[in-house]
Amino acid sequence: MLFTYTKADLNFRRFHLRGKMKVGTEWILLAMAYNVLRMHHKAQNGRVGNTI
């Protein structure tokens, strides 16, 4: 799901850096952006709960 979301919704088509470590870092940043956007959408819709 993350891969298709980054291509379609975040308009991410290619990595901007070269090298395994730099591409890995860029991918981690994309994953973090995806998670922040998911939490934002949940907060906007009132679906964030207090679960332990």
Protein backbone atom coordinates (compact mmCIF):
# COMPACT_ATOMS: atom_id res chain seq x y z
CA MET A 1 0.00 0.00 0.00
CA LEU A 2 2.78 2.42 0.85
CA PHE A 3 4.42 2.07 -2.55
CA THR A 4 1.25 2.76 -4.52
CA TYR A 5 0.29 5.64 -2.23
CA THR A 6 3.66 7.35 -2.68
CA LYS A 7 3.43 7.05 -6.46
CA ALA A 8 -0.19 8.13 -6.82
CA ASP A 9 -0.93 10.56 -3.99
CA LEU A 10 2.49 11.92 -3.03
CA ASN A 11 3.54 12.09 -6.71
CA PHE A 12 6.87 10.40 -5.95
CA ARG A 13 8.25 8.78 -9.09
CA ARG A 14 11.98 8.34 -8.48
CA PHE A 15 14.59 8.62 -5.79
CA HIS A 16 16.63 11.80 -5.87
CA LEU A 17 19.78 10.37 -4.30
CA ARG A 18 22.05 7.48 -5.25
CA GLY A 19 23.41 4.70 -3.09
CA LYS A 20 21.72 2.09 -0.94
CA MET A 21 22.09 4.02 2.30
CA LYS A 22 20.78 7.30 0.84
CA VAL A 23 17.87 5.59 -0.92
CA GLY A 24 17.03 3.77 2.31
CA THR A 25 17.05 7.07 4.19
CA GLU A 26 14.82 8.66 1.58
CA TRP A 27 12.42 5.71 1.77
CA ILE A 28 12.26 6.00 5.59
CA LEU A 29 11.40 9.69 5.24
CA LEU A 30 8.62 8.82 2.80
CA ALA A 31 7.27 6.19 5.19
CA MET A 32 7.29 8.72 8.03
CA ALA A 33 5.44 11.26 5.86
CA TYR A 34 2.89 8.57 5.01
CA ASN A 35 2.32 7.80 8.70
CA VAL A 36 1.99 11.48 9.61
CA LEU A 37 -0.56 11.99 6.83
CA ARG A 38 -2.53 8.95 8.01
CA MET A 39 -2.63 10.31 11.57
CA HIS A 40 -3.65 13.74 10.25
CA HIS A 41 -6.54 12.25 8.28
CA LYS A 42 -7.66 10.23 11.29
CA ALA A 43 -7.54 13.32 13.51
CA GLN A 44 -9.55 15.31 10.97
CA ASN A 45 -12.23 12.61 10.90
CA GLY A 46 -12.32 12.23 14.70
CA ARG A 47 -11.13 8.61 14.63
CA VAL A 48 -8.14 8.99 16.96
CA GLY A 49 -8.84 7.19 20.21
CA ASN A 50 -7.10 6.70 23.51
CA THR A 51 -6.19 3.02 23.42
CA ILE A 52 -3.59 1.43 25.61
